[in-house]
């Protein structure tokens, strides 16, 4: 999918699906990942099925999957330069 041409809902759905694929690749059941992330099972299921969730939920899942470096790349986070 080309995000530049996608609707917000399409992007959310794709993000949820990609996180689901990452979870499966790591052999984690939904219940285990939800527990690791400090989320309810319902919140994780909603994220994976529709992408609908808070940014905090995404961050918790990404951290639990060990993908924090991907967030740095996504948002272009770089250390602040000293004056």
Protein backbone atom coordinates (compact mmCIF):
# COMPACT_ATOMS: atom_id res chain seq x y z
CA UNK A 1 0.00 0.00 0.00
CA UNK A 2 1.19 3.49 -0.82
CA UNK A 3 0.37 5.60 2.21
CA UNK A 4 0.54 8.81 0.19
CA UNK A 5 -2.63 7.80 -1.68
CA UNK A 6 -4.42 6.11 1.23
CA UNK A 7 -7.19 7.39 3.45
CA UNK A 8 -6.63 7.70 7.20
CA UNK A 9 -8.74 4.58 7.80
CA UNK A 10 -6.72 2.58 5.28
CA UNK A 11 -3.49 3.60 6.99
CA UNK A 12 -4.86 2.68 10.42
CA UNK A 13 -5.98 -0.70 9.15
CA UNK A 14 -2.59 -1.35 7.57
CA UNK A 15 -0.71 -0.38 10.74
CA UNK A 16 -2.90 -2.74 12.78
CA UNK A 17 -2.33 -5.55 10.30
CA UNK A 18 1.43 -4.99 10.25
CA UNK A 19 1.62 -5.06 14.05
CA UNK A 20 -0.39 -8.28 14.01
CA UNK A 21 2.09 -9.79 11.56
CA UNK A 22 4.98 -8.74 13.80
CA UNK A 23 3.27 -10.39 16.79
CA UNK A 24 2.72 -13.59 14.85
CA UNK A 25 6.31 -13.59 13.56
CA UNK A 26 7.45 -13.48 17.18
CA UNK A 27 5.10 -16.33 18.10
CA UNK A 28 3.18 -14.31 20.66
CA UNK A 29 -0.47 -15.00 21.40
CA UNK A 30 -2.66 -11.89 21.63
CA UNK A 31 -3.24 -12.42 25.33
CA UNK A 32 0.50 -12.53 26.05
CA UNK A 33 1.30 -9.40 24.05
CA UNK A 34 -1.60 -7.54 25.65
CA UNK A 35 -0.25 -8.46 29.08
CA UNK A 36 3.30 -7.46 28.14
CA UNK A 37 2.02 -4.09 26.88
CA UNK A 38 -0.23 -3.48 29.89
CA UNK A 39 -3.33 -3.45 27.68
CA UNK A 40 -6.64 -5.22 27.75
CA UNK A 41 -7.04 -8.06 25.27
CA UNK A 42 -9.90 -6.10 23.70
CA UNK A 43 -7.67 -3.08 23.07
CA UNK A 44 -5.09 -5.22 21.28
CA UNK A 45 -7.75 -7.00 19.24
CA UNK A 46 -9.24 -3.66 18.18
CA UNK A 47 -5.80 -2.38 17.16
CA UNK A 48 -5.06 -5.46 15.09
CA UNK A 49 -8.47 -5.68 13.45
CA UNK A 50 -9.17 -2.03 12.66
CA UNK A 51 -6.19 0.08 13.69
CA UNK A 52 -8.51 2.06 15.94
CA UNK A 53 -6.68 2.89 19.17
CA UNK A 54 -4.81 5.60 21.00
CA UNK A 55 -1.26 6.54 20.16
CA UNK A 56 -0.32 5.27 23.62
CA UNK A 57 -1.63 1.82 22.69
CA UNK A 58 0.49 1.79 19.53
CA UNK A 59 3.58 2.85 21.47
CA UNK A 60 3.04 0.18 24.15
CA UNK A 61 2.65 -2.54 21.53
CA UNK A 62 5.65 -1.33 19.55
CA UNK A 63 7.77 -1.28 22.73
CA UNK A 64 6.62 -4.77 23.69
CA UNK A 65 7.47 -6.09 20.23
CA UNK A 66 10.94 -4.53 20.42
CA UNK A 67 10.31 -2.18 17.51
CA UNK A 68 11.02 1.19 19.13
CA UNK A 69 13.71 1.94 16.56
CA UNK A 70 10.97 1.90 13.92
CA UNK A 71 9.21 4.77 15.73
CA UNK A 72 12.40 6.80 15.69
CA UNK A 73 12.65 6.24 11.95
CA UNK A 74 8.95 6.98 11.41
CA UNK A 75 8.96 10.29 13.23
CA UNK A 76 12.50 11.33 12.36
CA UNK A 77 13.43 11.69 16.02
CA UNK A 78 16.95 12.88 16.41
CA UNK A 79 18.78 14.11 19.49
CA UNK A 80 18.52 17.85 19.93
CA UNK A 81 21.64 19.75 18.94
CA UNK A 82 23.41 21.74 21.60
CA UNK A 83 23.30 25.51 21.07
